[in-house]
PDB file of N, CA and C in Angstrom:
ATOM      1  N   MET A   1     118.885  90.213  80.465  1.00  0.00           N
ATOM      2  CA  MET A   1     118.939  91.619  80.770  1.00  0.00           C
ATOM      3  C   MET A   1     118.304  91.854  82.135  1.00  0.00           C
ATOM      4  N   THR A   2     118.865  92.755  82.901  1.00  0.00           N
ATOM      5  CA  THR A   2     118.352  93.082  84.230  1.00  0.00           C
ATOM      6  C   THR A   2     117.653  94.426  84.188  1.00  0.00           C
ATOM      7  N   PHE A   3     116.479  94.484  84.795  1.00  0.00           N
ATOM      8  CA  PHE A   3     115.700  95.716  84.855  1.00  0.00           C
ATOM      9  C   PHE A   3     115.489  96.108  86.317  1.00  0.00           C
ATOM     10  N   THR A   4     115.174  97.380  86.540  1.00  0.00           N
ATOM     11  CA  THR A   4     114.865  97.862  87.887  1.00  0.00           C
ATOM     12  C   THR A   4     113.524  98.569  87.858  1.00  0.00           C
ATOM     13  N   GLU A   5     112.867  98.615  89.028  1.00  0.00           N
ATOM     14  CA  GLU A   5     111.587  99.320  89.114  1.00  0.00           C
ATOM     15  C   GLU A   5     111.794 100.792  88.797  1.00  0.00           C
ATOM     16  N   GLN A   6     110.807 101.382  88.176  1.00  0.00           N
ATOM     17  CA  GLN A   6     110.750 102.774  87.734  1.00  0.00           C
ATOM     18  C   GLN A   6     111.563 103.026  86.455  1.00  0.00           C
ATOM     19  N   GLU A   7     112.273 102.031  85.960  1.00  0.00           N
ATOM     20  CA  GLU A   7     112.981 102.152  84.679  1.00  0.00           C
ATOM     21  C   GLU A   7     111.945 102.144  83.557  1.00  0.00           C
ATOM     22  N   ILE A   8     112.267 102.783  82.455  1.00  0.00           N
ATOM     23  CA  ILE A   8     111.382 102.800  81.295  1.00  0.00           C
ATOM     24  C   ILE A   8     111.881 101.749  80.307  1.00  0.00           C
ATOM     25  N   ALA A   9     110.957 100.892  79.872  1.00  0.00           N
ATOM     26  CA  ALA A   9     111.335  99.794  78.982  1.00  0.00           C
ATOM     27  C   ALA A   9     110.366  99.702  77.810  1.00  0.00           C
ATOM     28  N   ARG A  10     110.839  99.070  76.729  1.00  0.00           N
ATOM     29  CA  ARG A  10     110.010  98.823  75.551  1.00  0.00           C
ATOM     30  C   ARG A  10     109.637  97.353  75.529  1.00  0.00           C
ATOM     31  N   ASP A  11     108.332  97.092  75.443  1.00  0.00           N
ATOM     32  CA  ASP A  11     107.802  95.735  75.290  1.00  0.00           C
ATOM     33  C   ASP A  11     107.757  95.477  73.788  1.00  0.00           C
ATOM     34  N   SER A  12     108.698  94.677  73.291  1.00  0.00           N
ATOM     35  CA  SER A  12     108.815  94.481  71.844  1.00  0.00           C
ATOM     36  C   SER A  12     107.666  93.667  71.256  1.00  0.00           C
ATOM     37  N   THR A  13     106.985  92.854  72.050  1.00  0.00           N
ATOM     38  CA  THR A  13     105.869  92.075  71.510  1.00  0.00           C
ATOM     39  C   THR A  13     104.629  92.929  71.286  1.00  0.00           C
ATOM     40  N   ARG A  14     104.468  93.982  72.086  1.00  0.00           N
ATOM     41  CA  ARG A  14     103.298  94.854  71.950  1.00  0.00           C
ATOM     42  C   ARG A  14     103.644  96.194  71.309  1.00  0.00           C
ATOM     43  N   GLY A  15     104.925  96.467  71.167  1.00  0.00           N
ATOM     44  CA  GLY A  15     105.335  97.737  70.576  1.00  0.00           C
ATOM     45  C   GLY A  15     105.024  98.939  71.458  1.00  0.00           C
ATOM     46  N   ARG A  16     104.959  98.709  72.786  1.00  0.00           N
ATOM     47  CA  ARG A  16     104.624  99.784  73.725  1.00  0.00           C
ATOM     48  C   ARG A  16     105.802 100.062  74.649  1.00  0.00           C
ATOM     49  N   VAL A  17     105.846 101.297  75.114  1.00  0.00           N
ATOM     50  CA  VAL A  17     106.853 101.714  76.084  1.00  0.00           C
ATOM     51  C   VAL A  17     106.130 102.018  77.379  1.00  0.00           C
ATOM     52  N   GLY A  18     106.686 101.556  78.496  1.00  0.00           N
ATOM     53  CA  GLY A  18     106.064 101.815  79.785  1.00  0.00           C
ATOM     54  C   GLY A  18     107.087 101.864  80.903  1.00  0.00           C
ATOM     55  N   ARG A  19     106.643 102.375  82.041  1.00  0.00           N
ATOM     56  CA  ARG A  19     107.486 102.427  83.224  1.00  0.00           C
ATOM     57  C   ARG A  19     107.267 101.138  84.018  1.00  0.00           C
ATOM     58  N   ILE A  20     108.346 100.533  84.483  1.00  0.00           N
ATOM     59  CA  ILE A  20     108.260  99.298  85.255  1.00  0.00           C
ATOM     60  C   ILE A  20     107.796  99.654  86.667  1.00  0.00           C
ATOM     61  N   VAL A  21     106.649  99.106  87.067  1.00  0.00           N
ATOM     62  CA  VAL A  21     106.115  99.383  88.401  1.00  0.00           C
ATOM     63  C   VAL A  21     106.274  98.194  89.341  1.00  0.00           C
ATOM     64  N   ALA A  22     106.573  97.018  88.806  1.00  0.00           N
ATOM     65  CA  ALA A  22     106.819  95.848  89.642  1.00  0.00           C
ATOM     66  C   ALA A  22     107.594  94.815  88.838  1.00  0.00           C
ATOM     67  N   ILE A  23     108.372  94.014  89.557  1.00  0.00           N
ATOM     68  CA  ILE A  23     109.130  92.927  88.937  1.00  0.00           C
ATOM     69  C   ILE A  23     108.836  91.669  89.734  1.00  0.00           C
ATOM     70  N   ASN A  24     108.348  90.652  89.032  1.00  0.00           N
ATOM     71  CA  ASN A  24     108.023  89.363  89.653  1.00  0.00           C
ATOM     72  C   ASN A  24     108.808  88.282  88.928  1.00  0.00           C
ATOM     73  N   GLY A  25     110.024  88.024  89.365  1.00  0.00           N
ATOM     74  CA  GLY A  25     110.875  87.039  88.691  1.00  0.00           C
ATOM     75  C   GLY A  25     111.222  87.509  87.294  1.00  0.00           C
ATOM     76  N   ASP A  26     110.803  86.755  86.281  1.00  0.00           N
ATOM     77  CA  ASP A  26     111.071  87.112  84.882  1.00  0.00           C
ATOM     78  C   ASP A  26     109.936  87.922  84.264  1.00  0.00           C
ATOM     79  N   CYS A  27     108.994  88.364  85.085  1.00  0.00           N
ATOM     80  CA  CYS A  27     107.843  89.111  84.585  1.00  0.00           C
ATOM     81  C   CYS A  27     107.890  90.550  85.082  1.00  0.00           C
ATOM     82  N   LEU A  28     107.736  91.485  84.167  1.00  0.00           N
ATOM     83  CA  LEU A  28     107.679  92.905  84.498  1.00  0.00           C
ATOM     84  C   LEU A  28     106.226  93.362  84.430  1.00  0.00           C
ATOM     85  N   VAL A  29     105.857  94.280  85.300  1.00  0.00           N
ATOM     86  CA  VAL A  29     104.560  94.942  85.207  1.00  0.00           C
ATOM     87  C   VAL A  29     104.864  96.366  84.751  1.00  0.00           C
ATOM     88  N   LEU A  30     104.359  96.709  83.566  1.00  0.00           N
ATOM     89  CA  LEU A  30     104.609  98.020  82.971  1.00  0.00           C
ATOM     90  C   LEU A  30     103.342  98.861  82.997  1.00  0.00           C
ATOM     91  N   ARG A  31     103.536 100.175  83.045  1.00  0.00           N
ATOM     92  CA  ARG A  31     102.396 101.091  83.072  1.00  0.00           C
ATOM     93  C   ARG A  31     102.745 102.339  82.295  1.00  0.00           C
ATOM     94  N   ARG A  32     101.748 102.890  81.662  1.00  0.00           N
ATOM     95  CA  ARG A  32     101.879 104.182  80.990  1.00  0.00           C
ATOM     96  C   ARG A  32     100.616 104.977  81.269  1.00  0.00           C
ATOM     97  N   PRO A  33     100.677 106.296  81.138  1.00  0.00           N
ATOM     98  CA  PRO A  33      99.503 107.117  81.444  1.00  0.00           C
ATOM     99  C   PRO A  33      98.269 106.679  80.652  1.00  0.00           C
ATOM    100  N   ASP A  34      97.132 106.730  81.310  1.00  0.00           N
ATOM    101  CA  ASP A  34      95.843 106.395  80.697  1.00  0.00           C
ATOM    102  C   ASP A  34      95.821 105.002  80.071  1.00  0.00           C
ATOM    103  N   HIS A  35      96.523 104.056  80.680  1.00  0.00           N
ATOM    104  CA  HIS A  35      96.556 102.695  80.172  1.00  0.00           C
ATOM    105  C   HIS A  35      96.637 101.752  81.359  1.00  0.00           C
ATOM    106  N   GLU A  36      95.915 100.663  81.305  1.00  0.00           N
ATOM    107  CA  GLU A  36      95.989  99.667  82.368  1.00  0.00           C
ATOM    108  C   GLU A  36      97.385  99.051  82.397  1.00  0.00           C
ATOM    109  N   PRO A  37      97.891  98.698  83.572  1.00  0.00           N
ATOM    110  CA  PRO A  37      99.188  98.004  83.635  1.00  0.00           C
ATOM    111  C   PRO A  37      99.125  96.687  82.872  1.00  0.00           C
ATOM    112  N   TRP A  38     100.265  96.259  82.345  1.00  0.00           N
ATOM    113  CA  TRP A  38     100.313  94.987  81.634  1.00  0.00           C
ATOM    114  C   TRP A  38     101.581  94.237  82.007  1.00  0.00           C
ATOM    115  N   ASP A  39     101.556  92.928  81.820  1.00  0.00           N
ATOM    116  CA  ASP A  39     102.695  92.061  82.118  1.00  0.00           C
ATOM    117  C   ASP A  39     103.496  91.819  80.847  1.00  0.00           C
ATOM    118  N   ALA A  40     104.802  91.716  81.020  1.00  0.00           N
ATOM    119  CA  ALA A  40     105.675  91.375  79.902  1.00  0.00           C
ATOM    120  C   ALA A  40     106.874  90.606  80.446  1.00  0.00           C
ATOM    121  N   LEU A  41     107.266  89.563  79.758  1.00  0.00           N
ATOM    122  CA  LEU A  41     108.460  88.823  80.164  1.00  0.00           C
ATOM    123  C   LEU A  41     109.701  89.670  79.910  1.00  0.00           C
ATOM    124  N   THR A  42     110.705  89.501  80.757  1.00  0.00           N
ATOM    125  CA  THR A  42     111.936  90.276  80.575  1.00  0.00           C
ATOM    126  C   THR A  42     112.568  89.988  79.214  1.00  0.00           C
ATOM    127  N   SER A  43     112.399  88.774  78.717  1.00  0.00           N
ATOM    128  CA  SER A  43     112.977  88.426  77.409  1.00  0.00           C
ATOM    129  C   SER A  43     112.298  89.179  76.266  1.00  0.00           C
ATOM    130  N   TRP A  44     111.098  89.731  76.497  1.00  0.00           N
ATOM    131  CA  TRP A  44     110.385  90.504  75.477  1.00  0.00           C
ATOM    132  C   TRP A  44     110.785  91.974  75.498  1.00  0.00           C
ATOM    133  N   CYS A  45     111.472  92.394  76.561  1.00  0.00           N
ATOM    134  CA  CYS A  45     111.701  93.824  76.778  1.00  0.00           C
ATOM    135  C   CYS A  45     113.138  94.232  76.551  1.00  0.00           C
ATOM    136  N   MET A  46     113.290  95.511  76.263  1.00  0.00           N
ATOM    137  CA  MET A  46     114.608  96.121  76.100  1.00  0.00           C
ATOM    138  C   MET A  46     114.529  97.530  76.666  1.00  0.00           C
ATOM    139  N   PRO A  47     115.664  98.113  77.014  1.00  0.00           N
ATOM    140  CA  PRO A  47     115.626  99.492  77.500  1.00  0.00           C
ATOM    141  C   PRO A  47     115.060 100.416  76.425  1.00  0.00           C
ATOM    142  N   ALA A  48     114.289 101.394  76.855  1.00  0.00           N
ATOM    143  CA  ALA A  48     113.720 102.368  75.915  1.00  0.00           C
ATOM    144  C   ALA A  48     114.816 103.307  75.421  1.00  0.00           C
ATOM    145  N   THR A  49     114.622 103.843  74.229  1.00  0.00           N
ATOM    146  CA  THR A  49     115.565 104.828  73.699  1.00  0.00           C
ATOM    147  C   THR A  49     115.386 106.142  74.460  1.00  0.00           C
ATOM    148  N   VAL A  50     116.317 107.047  74.284  1.00  0.00           N
ATOM    149  CA  VAL A  50     116.218 108.360  74.931  1.00  0.00           C
ATOM    150  C   VAL A  50     114.940 109.066  74.491  1.00  0.00           C
ATOM    151  N   ALA A  51     114.629 109.015  73.205  1.00  0.00           N
ATOM    152  CA  ALA A  51     113.422 109.668  72.683  1.00  0.00           C
ATOM    153  C   ALA A  51     112.162 109.039  73.285  1.00  0.00           C
ATOM    154  N   GLU A  52     112.134 107.702  73.419  1.00  0.00           N
ATOM    155  CA  GLU A  52     110.976 107.034  74.013  1.00  0.00           C
ATOM    156  C   GLU A  52     110.815 107.423  75.482  1.00  0.00           C
ATOM    157  N   CYS A  53     111.934 107.519  76.208  1.00  0.00           N
ATOM    158  CA  CYS A  53     111.896 107.945  77.607  1.00  0.00           C
ATOM    159  C   CYS A  53     111.353 109.361  77.727  1.00  0.00           C
ATOM    160  N   GLN A  54     111.846 110.253  76.894  1.00  0.00           N
ATOM    161  CA  GLN A  54     111.384 111.642  76.938  1.00  0.00           C
ATOM    162  C   GLN A  54     109.895 111.732  76.617  1.00  0.00           C
ATOM    163  N   ASP A  55     109.449 110.965  75.639  1.00  0.00           N
ATOM    164  CA  ASP A  55     108.034 110.975  75.257  1.00  0.00           C
ATOM    165  C   ASP A  55     107.157 110.491  76.411  1.00  0.00           C
ATOM    166  N   LEU A  56     107.542 109.388  77.047  1.00  0.00           N
ATOM    167  CA  LEU A  56     106.761 108.862  78.168  1.00  0.00           C
ATOM    168  C   LEU A  56     106.761 109.847  79.338  1.00  0.00           C
ATOM    169  N   GLU A  57     107.908 110.427  79.640  1.00  0.00           N
ATOM    170  CA  GLU A  57     107.989 111.384  80.748  1.00  0.00           C
ATOM    171  C   GLU A  57     107.146 112.625  80.479  1.00  0.00           C
ATOM    172  N   GLU A  58     107.067 113.061  79.234  1.00  0.00           N
ATOM    173  CA  GLU A  58     106.193 114.193  78.878  1.00  0.00           C
ATOM    174  C   GLU A  58     104.730 113.817  79.092  1.00  0.00           C
ATOM    175  N   GLN A  59     104.355 112.604  78.693  1.00  0.00           N
ATOM    176  CA  GLN A  59     102.978 112.145  78.896  1.00  0.00           C
ATOM    177  C   GLN A  59     102.655 112.057  80.386  1.00  0.00           C
ATOM    178  N   GLU A  60     103.596 111.548  81.165  1.00  0.00           N
ATOM    179  CA  GLU A  60     103.383 111.434  82.613  1.00  0.00           C
ATOM    180  C   GLU A  60     103.249 112.821  83.242  1.00  0.00           C
ATOM    181  N   GLY A  61     104.036 113.779  82.789  1.00  0.00           N
ATOM    182  CA  GLY A  61     103.984 115.130  83.336  1.00  0.00           C
ATOM    183  C   GLY A  61     102.741 115.892  82.931  1.00  0.00           C
ATOM    184  N   ALA A  62     102.118 115.500  81.826  1.00  0.00           N
ATOM    185  CA  ALA A  62     100.932 116.198  81.325  1.00  0.00           C
ATOM    186  C   ALA A  62      99.668 115.816  82.086  1.00  0.00           C
ATOM    187  N   ILE A  63      99.718 114.729  82.830  1.00  0.00           N
ATOM    188  CA  ILE A  63      98.543 114.284  83.574  1.00  0.00           C
ATOM    189  C   ILE A  63      98.373 115.156  84.807  1.00  0.00           C
ATOM    190  N   ALA A  64      97.144 115.532  85.086  1.00  0.00           N
ATOM    191  CA  ALA A  64      96.862 116.350  86.265  1.00  0.00           C
ATOM    192  C   ALA A  64      97.381 115.650  87.513  1.00  0.00           C
ATOM    193  N   ALA A  65      97.896 116.428  88.428  1.00  0.00           N
ATOM    194  CA  ALA A  65      98.495 115.883  89.643  1.00  0.00           C
ATOM    195  C   ALA A  65      97.409 115.517  90.654  1.00  0.00           C
ATOM    196  N   VAL A  66      96.728 114.419  90.399  1.00  0.00           N
ATOM    197  CA  VAL A  66      95.755 113.897  91.348  1.00  0.00           C
ATOM    198  C   VAL A  66      96.047 112.420  91.570  1.00  0.00           C
ATOM    199  N   VAL A  67      95.712 111.952  92.753  1.00  0.00           N
ATOM    200  CA  VAL A  67      95.798 110.531  93.067  1.00  0.00           C
ATOM    201  C   VAL A  67      94.487 110.125  93.714  1.00  0.00           C
ATOM    202  N   TYR A  68      94.272 108.839  93.808  1.00  0.00           N
ATOM    203  CA  TYR A  68      93.031 108.291  94.335  1.00  0.00           C
ATOM    204  C   TYR A  68      93.341 107.516  95.606  1.00  0.00           C
ATOM    205  N   VAL A  69      92.533 107.737  96.652  1.00  0.00           N
ATOM    206  CA  VAL A  69      92.761 107.111  97.941  1.00  0.00           C
ATOM    207  C   VAL A  69      91.438 106.632  98.526  1.00  0.00           C
ATOM    208  N   THR A  70      91.546 105.820  99.570  1.00  0.00           N
ATOM    209  CA  THR A  70      90.369 105.430 100.354  1.00  0.00           C
ATOM    210  C   THR A  70      90.603 105.902 101.788  1.00  0.00           C
ATOM    211  N   PRO A  71      89.551 106.040 102.569  1.00  0.00           N
ATOM    212  CA  PRO A  71      89.711 106.531 103.942  1.00  0.00           C
ATOM    213  C   PRO A  71      90.609 105.656 104.819  1.00  0.00           C
ATOM    214  N   THR A  72      90.625 104.341 104.569  1.00  0.00           N
ATOM    215  CA  THR A  72      91.382 103.449 105.445  1.00  0.00           C
ATOM    216  C   THR A  72      92.580 102.783 104.775  1.00  0.00           C
ATOM    217  N   GLY A  73      92.826 103.059 103.491  1.00  0.00           N
ATOM    218  CA  GLY A  73      93.912 102.396 102.776  1.00  0.00           C
ATOM    219  C   GLY A  73      95.282 102.920 103.155  1.00  0.00           C
ATOM    220  N   SER A  74      96.318 102.196 102.757  1.00  0.00           N
ATOM    221  CA  SER A  74      97.688 102.622 103.039  1.00  0.00           C
ATOM    222  C   SER A  74      98.433 103.042 101.775  1.00  0.00           C
ATOM    223  N   PHE A  75      97.756 102.977 100.608  1.00  0.00           N
ATOM    224  CA  PHE A  75      98.374 103.337  99.335  1.00  0.00           C
ATOM    225  C   PHE A  75      97.614 104.468  98.665  1.00  0.00           C
ATOM    226  N   TYR A  76      98.314 105.195  97.775  1.00  0.00           N
ATOM    227  CA  TYR A  76      97.618 106.092  96.860  1.00  0.00           C
ATOM    228  C   TYR A  76      97.805 105.538  95.453  1.00  0.00           C
ATOM    229  N   HIS A  77      96.828 105.820  94.593  1.00  0.00           N
ATOM    230  CA  HIS A  77      96.751 105.196  93.276  1.00  0.00           C
ATOM    231  C   HIS A  77      96.719 106.256  92.182  1.00  0.00           C
ATOM    232  N   GLY A  78      97.332 105.942  91.057  1.00  0.00           N
ATOM    233  CA  GLY A  78      97.378 106.871  89.943  1.00  0.00           C
ATOM    234  C   GLY A  78      96.180 106.772  89.016  1.00  0.00           C
ATOM    235  N   THR A  79      95.387 105.745  89.178  1.00  0.00           N
ATOM    236  CA  THR A  79      94.220 105.563  88.328  1.00  0.00           C
ATOM    237  C   THR A  79      93.067 105.004  89.158  1.00  0.00           C
ATOM    238  N   PRO A  80      91.851 105.464  88.917  1.00  0.00           N
ATOM    239  CA  PRO A  80      90.724 104.901  89.646  1.00  0.00           C
ATOM    240  C   PRO A  80      90.413 103.467  89.208  1.00  0.00           C
ATOM    241  N   LYS A  81      91.057 103.008  88.150  1.00  0.00           N
ATOM    242  CA  LYS A  81      90.817 101.661  87.643  1.00  0.00           C
ATOM    243  C   LYS A  81      91.830 100.641  88.161  1.00  0.00           C
ATOM    244  N   CYS A  82      92.684 101.063  89.097  1.00  0.00           N
ATOM    245  CA  CYS A  82      93.654 100.136  89.692  1.00  0.00           C
ATOM    246  C   CYS A  82      92.896  98.980  90.336  1.00  0.00           C
ATOM    247  N   MET A  83      93.351  97.747  90.108  1.00  0.00           N
ATOM    248  CA  MET A  83      92.670  96.572  90.656  1.00  0.00           C
ATOM    249  C   MET A  83      92.627  96.594  92.181  1.00  0.00           C
ATOM    250  N   VAL A  84      93.677  97.116  92.808  1.00  0.00           N
ATOM    251  CA  VAL A  84      93.695  97.210  94.268  1.00  0.00           C
ATOM    252  C   VAL A  84      92.620  98.182  94.737  1.00  0.00           C
ATOM    253  N   LEU A  85      92.499  99.299  94.058  1.00  0.00           N
ATOM    254  CA  LEU A  85      91.531 100.327  94.439  1.00  0.00           C
ATOM    255  C   LEU A  85      90.098  99.896  94.150  1.00  0.00           C
ATOM    256  N   GLU A  86      89.886  99.135  93.098  1.00  0.00           N
ATOM    257  CA  GLU A  86      88.533  98.718  92.731  1.00  0.00           C
ATOM    258  C   GLU A  86      87.877  97.873  93.817  1.00  0.00           C
ATOM    259  N   ARG A  87      88.692  97.188  94.626  1.00  0.00           N
ATOM    260  CA  ARG A  87      88.132  96.374  95.704  1.00  0.00           C
ATOM    261  C   ARG A  87      87.402  97.241  96.734  1.00  0.00           C
ATOM    262  N   ALA A  88      87.762  98.521  96.843  1.00  0.00           N
ATOM    263  CA  ALA A  88      87.167  99.410  97.841  1.00  0.00           C
ATOM    264  C   ALA A  88      85.745  99.807  97.471  1.00  0.00           C
ATOM    265  N   GLY A  89      85.431  99.809  96.203  1.00  0.00           N
ATOM    266  CA  GLY A  89      84.110 100.257  95.765  1.00  0.00           C
ATOM    267  C   GLY A  89      84.107 101.759  95.528  1.00  0.00           C
ATOM    268  N   ASP A  90      83.292 102.209  94.591  1.00  0.00           N
ATOM    269  CA  ASP A  90      83.264 103.615  94.191  1.00  0.00           C
ATOM    270  C   ASP A  90      82.937 104.580  95.320  1.00  0.00           C
ATOM    271  N   ALA A  91      82.105 104.174  96.270  1.00  0.00           N
ATOM    272  CA  ALA A  91      81.662 105.090  97.325  1.00  0.00           C
ATOM    273  C   ALA A  91      82.809 105.521  98.235  1.00  0.00           C
ATOM    274  N   ASP A  92      83.875 104.724  98.318  1.00  0.00           N
ATOM    275  CA  ASP A  92      84.969 105.023  99.225  1.00  0.00           C
ATOM    276  C   ASP A  92      86.160 105.699  98.564  1.00  0.00           C
ATOM    277  N   ILE A  93      86.121 105.950  97.277  1.00  0.00           N
ATOM    278  CA  ILE A  93      87.258 106.515  96.569  1.00  0.00           C
ATOM    279  C   ILE A  93      87.222 108.037  96.650  1.00  0.00           C
ATOM    280  N   CYS A  94      88.357 108.619  97.062  1.00  0.00           N
ATOM    281  CA  CYS A  94      88.492 110.076  97.156  1.00  0.00           C
ATOM    282  C   CYS A  94      89.631 110.518  96.253  1.00  0.00           C
ATOM    283  N   VAL A  95      89.525 111.732  95.728  1.00  0.00           N
ATOM    284  CA  VAL A  95      90.576 112.324  94.905  1.00  0.00           C
ATOM    285  C   VAL A  95      91.312 113.340  95.764  1.00  0.00           C
ATOM    286  N   THR A  96      92.637 113.307  95.701  1.00  0.00           N
ATOM    287  CA  THR A  96      93.459 114.252  96.453  1.00  0.00           C
ATOM    288  C   THR A  96      94.755 114.505  95.688  1.00  0.00           C
ATOM    289  N   SER A  97      95.607 115.340  96.228  1.00  0.00           N
ATOM    290  CA  SER A  97      96.895 115.603  95.596  1.00  0.00           C
ATOM    291  C   SER A  97      97.928 114.604  96.113  1.00  0.00           C
ATOM    292  N   PRO A  98      98.977 114.357  95.343  1.00  0.00           N
ATOM    293  CA  PRO A  98     100.032 113.452  95.828  1.00  0.00           C
ATOM    294  C   PRO A  98     100.651 113.955  97.139  1.00  0.00           C
ATOM    295  N   GLU A  99     100.768 115.270  97.272  1.00  0.00           N
ATOM    296  CA  GLU A  99     101.358 115.838  98.485  1.00  0.00           C
ATOM    297  C   GLU A  99     100.514 115.504  99.715  1.00  0.00           C
ATOM    298  N   LYS A 100      99.198 115.672  99.596  1.00  0.00           N
ATOM    299  CA  LYS A 100      98.316 115.370 100.730  1.00  0.00           C
ATOM    300  C   LYS A 100      98.331 113.877 101.049  1.00  0.00           C
ATOM    301  N   ALA A 101      98.424 113.052 100.028  1.00  0.00           N
ATOM    302  CA  ALA A 101      98.493 111.607 100.265  1.00  0.00           C
ATOM    303  C   ALA A 101      99.776 111.267 101.032  1.00  0.00           C
ATOM    304  N   ARG A 102     100.884 111.869 100.659  1.00  0.00           N
ATOM    305  CA  ARG A 102     102.146 111.612 101.361  1.00  0.00           C
ATOM    306  C   ARG A 102     102.102 112.161 102.789  1.00  0.00           C
ATOM    307  N   GLN A 103     101.409 113.295 102.999  1.00  0.00           N
ATOM    308  CA  GLN A 103     101.258 113.837 104.352  1.00  0.00           C
ATOM    309  C   GLN A 103     100.501 112.854 105.249  1.00  0.00           C
ATOM    310  N   ARG A 104      99.606 112.084 104.663  1.00  0.00           N
ATOM    311  CA  ARG A 104      98.867 111.049 105.400  1.00  0.00           C
ATOM    312  C   ARG A 104      99.696 109.769 105.537  1.00  0.00           C
ATOM    313  N   HIS A 105     100.966 109.815 105.117  1.00  0.00           N
ATOM    314  CA  HIS A 105     101.898 108.693 105.191  1.00  0.00           C
ATOM    315  C   HIS A 105     101.467 107.524 104.311  1.00  0.00           C
ATOM    316  N   LEU A 106     100.753 107.835 103.230  1.00  0.00           N
ATOM    317  CA  LEU A 106     100.396 106.802 102.254  1.00  0.00           C
ATOM    318  C   LEU A 106     101.582 106.607 101.328  1.00  0.00           C
ATOM    319  N   THR A 107     101.710 105.425 100.782  1.00  0.00           N
ATOM    320  CA  THR A 107     102.795 105.112  99.858  1.00  0.00           C
ATOM    321  C   THR A 107     102.199 104.736  98.498  1.00  0.00           C
ATOM    322  N   PRO A 108     103.007 104.835  97.418  1.00  0.00           N
ATOM    323  CA  PRO A 108     102.491 104.481  96.095  1.00  0.00           C
ATOM    324  C   PRO A 108     102.053 103.019  96.036  1.00  0.00           C
ATOM    325  N   CYS A 109     100.987 102.782  95.337  1.00  0.00           N
ATOM    326  CA  CYS A 109     100.477 101.421  95.152  1.00  0.00           C
ATOM    327  C   CYS A 109     101.540 100.576  94.429  1.00  0.00           C
ATOM    328  N   PRO A 110     101.818  99.361  94.911  1.00  0.00           N
ATOM    329  CA  PRO A 110     102.803  98.538  94.248  1.00  0.00           C
ATOM    330  C   PRO A 110     102.374  98.044  92.862  1.00  0.00           C
ATOM    331  N   LEU A 111     101.073  98.080  92.575  1.00  0.00           N
ATOM    332  CA  LEU A 111     100.601  97.626  91.268  1.00  0.00           C
ATOM    333  C   LEU A 111     100.593  98.750  90.244  1.00  0.00           C
ATOM    334  N   CYS A 112      99.935  99.863  90.557  1.00  0.00           N
ATOM    335  CA  CYS A 112      99.809 100.939  89.567  1.00  0.00           C
ATOM    336  C   CYS A 112     100.894 102.000  89.714  1.00  0.00           C
ATOM    337  N   GLY A 113     101.664 101.968  90.790  1.00  0.00           N
ATOM    338  CA  GLY A 113     102.751 102.917  90.962  1.00  0.00           C
ATOM    339  C   GLY A 113     102.347 104.246  91.569  1.00  0.00           C
ATOM    340  N   GLY A 114     101.076 104.482  91.709  1.00  0.00           N
ATOM    341  CA  GLY A 114     100.609 105.721  92.330  1.00  0.00           C
ATOM    342  C   GLY A 114     100.805 106.965  91.494  1.00  0.00           C
ATOM    343  N   ALA A 115     101.213 106.778  90.251  1.00  0.00           N
ATOM    344  CA  ALA A 115     101.461 107.954  89.405  1.00  0.00           C
ATOM    345  C   ALA A 115     100.668 107.867  88.115  1.00  0.00           C
TER     346      ALA A 115
END
């Protein structure tokens, strides 16, 4: 089965549904609101049902529209626990809106998706 980034998929081994934020060969990186990203093999995953997609999209929409940035970084992050962001240290993390991050020409983090 072929998947694309930002598609919603079900990880059948964990029974979780998440949005694909990265694809590394046969490995997908999935993310859902208030949950750390996780890896799943493509052979473990299947497309999410319409109801699962709607449920995940509702959860994503319910999260306050804030992102996390650093003064010198080139990405914005959807969670302060993103591994890329954690390297900056707590003192350098700022909270802003997605719009302001895009105005600064920041792009979504390839790991956490920025959402």
